[in-house]
Amino acid sequence: MPQADPDNSVRLQKVLATAGVGSRRACEDLIFRRRVTVNGRVAKLGDKVDPSKVEIEVDGSRVVTNTKMVYLAMNKPRGVVSSMDDEKGRNELADFLGNFEQRIFHVGRLDADSEGLLLLTNDGALAHKLMHPSYGIAKTYLAEVEGPLPRNVGRRLLSGIDLEDGPAKVDAFKLVDALGRTAQVELTLHEGRKHIVRRMMDEVGHPVTRLIRTAVGPIRLGDMRPGGFRHLSRGELGALFKAVGDGDEDGEIIADDEA
């Protein structure tokens, strides 16, 4: 097994146990049963690795072993800008995250009037893939809009509508609730253009009055309080890496406010 720096090499079962896969004995069993790969090769008992420089998978799911890597999910409150150091002195993400030894950054954006799930990390390679259009990472939003909604709104959004910067459509649409002059709808799309959800709903005649992002790929907002954050679980990380496992990186990354 290739080892870039033998001085930092650790037995593979210890690395897996430290990463939370299971007890050291359970990890030895996984290796023995050929369920562990290192850099794409099936591992064997006795292998040593530098956890900061290898890619380890168990049953095809990525295990993050570099302890310097940070992966967070945050519930961005309304009125907070997606910035770690806002030059205008507005409420920003750093106000809620406290101090991290590592320099972390947000993956994509939510505009100040939008709220909900925002991922943060210091893993530049993963962030790049999550934002790149070729990987098609879907995002789900709960939108409160002006009602009442006619029945054809969902069909129009699913079939596609024309915006000033080109056609756009949603991958899924659901009416969640209807409250007279207000309605709640759930939209899933992989578009990353600026204010795409708001512009699409404006185009069909039902402006958004509140917008919450509830999921990014396999990661869900859940019941986190506004301003709260948490570290992604090992299962969530495995699902996230699997979601970006393939992709053609031709195309432009859209880094503007997405919703």
Protein backbone atom coordinates (compact mmCIF):
# COMPACT_ATOMS: atom_id res chain seq x y z
CA MET A 1 0.00 0.00 0.00
CA PRO A 2 1.54 3.36 -1.01
CA GLN A 3 2.63 5.50 1.94
CA ALA A 4 3.72 9.08 1.29
CA ASP A 5 5.11 9.60 4.79
CA PRO A 6 5.90 6.39 6.75
CA ASP A 7 6.59 8.40 9.91
CA ASN A 8 2.85 9.26 10.11
CA SER A 9 1.63 5.77 9.25
CA VAL A 10 -0.89 4.10 11.55
CA ARG A 11 -2.44 0.64 11.43
CA LEU A 12 -5.55 0.79 9.29
CA GLN A 13 -7.88 -0.70 11.89
CA LYS A 14 -6.85 2.02 14.37
CA VAL A 15 -7.52 4.73 11.78
CA LEU A 16 -10.99 3.32 11.11
CA ALA A 17 -11.79 3.03 14.81
CA THR A 18 -10.68 6.62 15.43
CA ALA A 19 -12.97 7.72 12.56
CA GLY A 20 -15.91 6.13 14.36
CA VAL A 21 -16.43 3.11 12.10
CA GLY A 22 -16.49 0.73 15.07
CA SER A 23 -14.26 -0.93 17.65
CA ARG A 24 -10.76 -1.86 16.56
CA ARG A 25 -11.73 -5.53 16.50
CA ALA A 26 -14.81 -4.78 14.39
CA CYS A 27 -12.63 -2.79 11.97
CA GLU A 28 -10.19 -5.70 11.74
CA ASP A 29 -13.12 -7.90 10.76
CA LEU A 30 -14.15 -5.41 8.04
CA ILE A 31 -10.63 -5.48 6.63
CA PHE A 32 -10.46 -9.28 6.81
CA ARG A 33 -13.76 -9.53 4.91
CA ARG A 34 -12.33 -7.31 2.15
CA ARG A 35 -14.90 -4.57 2.74
CA VAL A 36 -12.27 -1.81 3.09
CA THR A 37 -10.37 -0.10 0.28
CA VAL A 38 -7.51 2.38 0.45
CA ASN A 39 -7.02 4.57 -2.60
CA GLY A 40 -9.20 2.15 -4.56
CA ARG A 41 -7.30 -1.01 -3.60
CA VAL A 42 -8.65 -3.72 -1.30
CA ALA A 43 -6.93 -3.41 2.07
CA LYS A 44 -5.48 -6.27 4.09
CA LEU A 45 -4.73 -6.80 7.76
CA GLY A 46 -1.42 -5.26 8.72
CA ASP A 47 -1.69 -2.32 6.34
CA LYS A 48 -0.52 1.03 7.64
CA VAL A 49 -1.66 4.36 6.22
CA ASP A 50 -1.16 8.07 6.71
CA PRO A 51 -4.77 9.09 7.53
CA SER A 52 -4.24 12.61 6.21
CA LYS A 53 -3.21 11.46 2.74
CA VAL A 54 -5.35 8.47 1.75
CA GLU A 55 -8.92 7.88 0.64
CA ILE A 56 -10.56 5.07 2.59
CA GLU A 57 -13.92 3.49 1.83
CA VAL A 58 -15.98 0.90 3.70
CA ASP A 59 -18.53 -0.92 1.54
CA GLY A 60 -18.01 1.78 -1.08
CA SER A 61 -18.77 4.64 1.30
CA ARG A 62 -16.06 7.23 1.99
CA VAL A 63 -14.68 7.46 5.53
CA VAL A 64 -13.09 10.80 6.46
CA THR A 65 -9.94 10.04 8.41
CA ASN A 66 -8.15 13.39 8.23
CA THR A 67 -8.89 14.93 11.64
CA LYS A 68 -8.11 18.42 10.31
CA MET A 69 -11.12 18.35 8.01
CA VAL A 70 -14.30 20.12 9.16
CA TYR A 71 -17.78 19.48 7.74
CA LEU A 72 -20.68 21.45 9.18
CA ALA A 73 -24.39 21.95 8.56
CA MET A 74 -25.85 25.27 9.69
CA ASN A 75 -29.34 26.72 9.83
CA LYS A 76 -28.69 30.22 8.50
CA PRO A 77 -31.16 32.69 10.00
CA ARG A 78 -33.02 35.27 7.96
CA GLY A 79 -31.20 38.60 7.87
CA VAL A 80 -27.72 37.04 7.98
CA VAL A 81 -25.40 37.34 4.98
CA SER A 82 -23.51 34.31 3.66
CA SER A 83 -20.08 35.65 4.58
CA MET A 84 -17.41 34.89 7.15
CA ASP A 85 -16.10 38.46 7.10
CA ASP A 86 -18.61 40.97 5.79
CA GLU A 87 -16.97 44.23 4.80
CA LYS A 88 -20.19 46.16 5.52
CA GLY A 89 -20.39 44.95 9.12
CA ARG A 90 -23.71 43.13 8.68
CA ASN A 91 -24.75 40.04 10.62
CA GLU A 92 -22.67 37.18 9.21
CA LEU A 93 -22.06 33.45 9.60
CA ALA A 94 -19.00 33.91 11.80
CA ASP A 95 -21.22 35.53 14.46
CA PHE A 96 -22.80 32.11 15.09
CA LEU A 97 -19.92 29.70 14.50
CA GLY A 98 -17.42 30.83 17.11
CA ASN A 99 -13.72 30.11 16.65
CA PHE A 100 -12.41 27.18 14.64
CA GLU A 101 -8.73 26.32 14.42
CA GLN A 102 -9.22 25.65 10.72
CA ARG A 103 -10.34 28.28 8.23
CA ILE A 104 -13.77 27.18 7.06
CA PHE A 105 -15.90 28.60 4.28
CA HIS A 106 -19.49 28.26 3.12
CA VAL A 107 -20.44 26.06 0.18
CA GLY A 108 -22.56 28.25 -2.07
CA ARG A 109 -24.78 30.97 -0.65
CA LEU A 110 -28.21 31.89 0.57
CA ASP A 111 -29.21 35.53 0.21
CA ALA A 112 -29.80 37.57 3.35
CA ASP A 113 -33.60 37.23 3.13
CA SER A 114 -33.44 33.44 2.75
CA GLU A 115 -32.81 30.95 5.53
CA GLY A 116 -32.08 27.31 6.12
CA LEU A 117 -29.41 24.75 5.35
CA LEU A 118 -25.92 25.93 4.52
CA LEU A 119 -22.89 23.63 4.41
CA LEU A 120 -19.48 24.81 5.60
CA THR A 121 -16.12 23.07 5.29
CA ASN A 122 -12.39 23.47 4.76
CA ASP A 123 -12.43 20.72 2.12
CA GLY A 124 -11.97 22.69 -1.07
CA ALA A 125 -12.24 19.67 -3.38
CA LEU A 126 -15.61 18.62 -1.98
CA ALA A 127 -16.91 22.20 -1.98
CA HIS A 128 -15.93 22.56 -5.64
CA LYS A 129 -17.88 19.44 -6.59
CA LEU A 130 -20.94 20.43 -4.58
CA MET A 131 -21.11 23.78 -6.40
CA HIS A 132 -20.20 22.54 -9.87
CA PRO A 133 -23.25 22.18 -12.16
CA SER A 134 -22.04 18.92 -13.73
CA TYR A 135 -22.50 17.04 -10.46
CA GLY A 136 -26.17 17.98 -10.35
CA ILE A 137 -26.50 18.22 -6.57
CA ALA A 138 -30.18 18.84 -5.88
CA LYS A 139 -31.36 21.41 -3.36
CA THR A 140 -34.80 21.44 -1.77
CA TYR A 141 -36.65 24.55 -0.60
CA LEU A 142 -39.81 25.25 1.35
CA ALA A 143 -41.32 28.45 0.01
CA GLU A 144 -44.17 30.52 1.35
CA VAL A 145 -45.75 32.26 -1.62
CA GLU A 146 -48.67 34.49 -2.43
CA GLY A 147 -51.77 32.44 -3.18
CA PRO A 148 -54.09 30.98 -4.03
CA LEU A 149 -52.23 28.69 -6.45
CA PRO A 150 -53.90 27.46 -9.64
CA ARG A 151 -53.43 23.78 -10.44
CA ASN A 152 -51.15 24.39 -13.41
CA VAL A 153 -48.33 26.11 -11.44
CA GLY A 154 -46.57 22.84 -10.68
CA ARG A 155 -46.82 21.67 -14.30
CA ARG A 156 -45.38 24.95 -15.56
CA LEU A 157 -42.41 24.77 -13.20
CA LEU A 158 -41.76 21.10 -14.02
CA SER A 159 -41.93 21.64 -17.77
CA GLY A 160 -39.77 24.76 -17.66
CA ILE A 161 -40.21 28.50 -17.89
CA ASP A 162 -38.21 31.21 -19.62
CA LEU A 163 -36.19 33.64 -17.51
CA GLU A 164 -34.09 36.54 -18.71
CA ASP A 165 -30.93 34.40 -18.50
CA GLY A 166 -32.41 31.27 -20.06
CA PRO A 167 -34.93 28.50 -19.37
CA ALA A 168 -35.26 26.96 -15.90
CA LYS A 169 -37.28 24.15 -14.38
CA VAL A 170 -37.67 22.30 -11.12
CA ASP A 171 -37.01 18.59 -10.60
CA ALA A 172 -39.93 18.18 -8.19
CA PHE A 173 -42.82 20.31 -6.95
CA LYS A 174 -45.34 19.72 -4.17
CA LEU A 175 -48.09 21.82 -2.64
CA VAL A 176 -47.54 21.50 1.12
CA ASP A 177 -50.32 23.71 2.44
CA ALA A 178 -52.82 26.28 1.22
CA LEU A 179 -53.99 29.01 3.57
CA GLY A 180 -56.24 31.29 1.55
CA ARG A 181 -54.01 34.04 0.20
CA THR A 182 -50.84 32.19 1.22
CA ALA A 183 -49.49 28.80 0.15
CA GLN A 184 -46.50 26.68 1.08
CA VAL A 185 -44.75 24.74 -1.66
CA GLU A 186 -41.73 22.47 -1.77
CA LEU A 187 -39.40 22.74 -4.76
CA THR A 188 -36.36 20.62 -5.62
CA LEU A 189 -33.91 21.75 -8.28
CA HIS A 190 -30.24 21.55 -9.11
CA GLU A 191 -30.02 25.03 -10.63
CA GLY A 192 -27.49 27.36 -9.01
CA ARG A 193 -28.32 30.67 -10.65
CA LYS A 194 -28.79 33.80 -8.58
CA HIS A 195 -32.18 34.04 -6.84
CA ILE A 196 -33.43 31.21 -9.03
CA VAL A 197 -36.33 30.12 -6.78
CA ARG A 198 -37.60 33.65 -6.25
CA ARG A 199 -37.36 34.49 -9.94
CA MET A 200 -39.18 31.34 -11.01
CA MET A 201 -42.04 31.97 -8.61
CA ASP A 202 -42.20 35.62 -9.69
CA GLU A 203 -42.47 34.45 -13.30
CA VAL A 204 -45.51 32.26 -12.56
CA GLY A 205 -47.14 35.10 -10.64
CA HIS A 206 -46.69 33.94 -7.03
CA PRO A 207 -43.85 35.87 -5.35
CA VAL A 208 -41.99 34.28 -2.46
CA THR A 209 -42.56 35.82 0.97
CA ARG A 210 -40.38 33.37 2.91
CA LEU A 211 -37.80 30.87 1.66
CA ILE A 212 -36.13 28.05 3.61
CA ARG A 213 -33.61 25.61 2.15
CA THR A 214 -34.31 22.23 3.72
CA ALA A 215 -31.83 19.93 1.96
CA VAL A 216 -28.61 19.90 -0.04
CA GLY A 217 -28.20 16.52 -1.73
CA PRO A 218 -28.52 13.88 1.02
CA ILE A 219 -28.06 16.38 3.87
CA ARG A 220 -31.26 17.61 5.52
CA LEU A 221 -31.87 20.63 7.73
CA GLY A 222 -33.83 18.67 10.32
CA ASP A 223 -34.82 20.44 13.52
CA MET A 224 -31.76 22.65 13.99
CA ARG A 225 -32.64 25.99 15.54
CA PRO A 226 -31.91 29.15 13.51
CA GLY A 227 -28.24 30.04 14.01
CA GLY A 228 -27.40 26.52 15.16
CA PHE A 229 -24.85 24.25 13.55
CA ARG A 230 -23.64 20.68 13.84
CA HIS A 231 -20.89 18.43 12.52
CA LEU A 232 -22.01 16.08 9.78
CA SER A 233 -22.23 12.45 10.84
CA ARG A 234 -20.09 9.73 9.28
CA GLY A 235 -23.15 8.44 7.44
CA GLU A 236 -23.99 11.89 6.08
CA LEU A 237 -20.41 12.39 4.90
CA GLY A 238 -20.39 9.02 3.17
CA ALA A 239 -23.62 9.89 1.38
CA LEU A 240 -22.30 13.32 0.42
CA PHE A 241 -19.09 11.93 -1.07
CA LYS A 242 -21.09 9.29 -2.91
CA ALA A 243 -23.34 12.00 -4.36
CA VAL A 244 -20.34 13.73 -5.98
CA GLY A 245 -18.61 10.53 -7.03
CA ASP A 246 -18.92 11.26 -10.74
CA GLY A 247 -19.16 14.36 -12.87
CA ASP A 248 -17.90 16.14 -15.92
CA GLU A 249 -16.34 19.38 -14.75
CA ASP A 250 -16.97 21.37 -17.90
CA GLY A 251 -19.08 24.40 -17.11
CA GLU A 252 -19.07 27.41 -14.89
CA ILE A 253 -19.58 27.40 -11.15
CA ILE A 254 -22.32 29.79 -10.08
CA ALA A 255 -21.20 31.38 -6.82
CA ASP A 256 -23.90 34.03 -6.43
CA ASP A 257 -26.74 33.86 -3.92
CA GLU A 258 -28.70 30.81 -5.05
CA ALA A 259 -32.11 31.42 -3.55
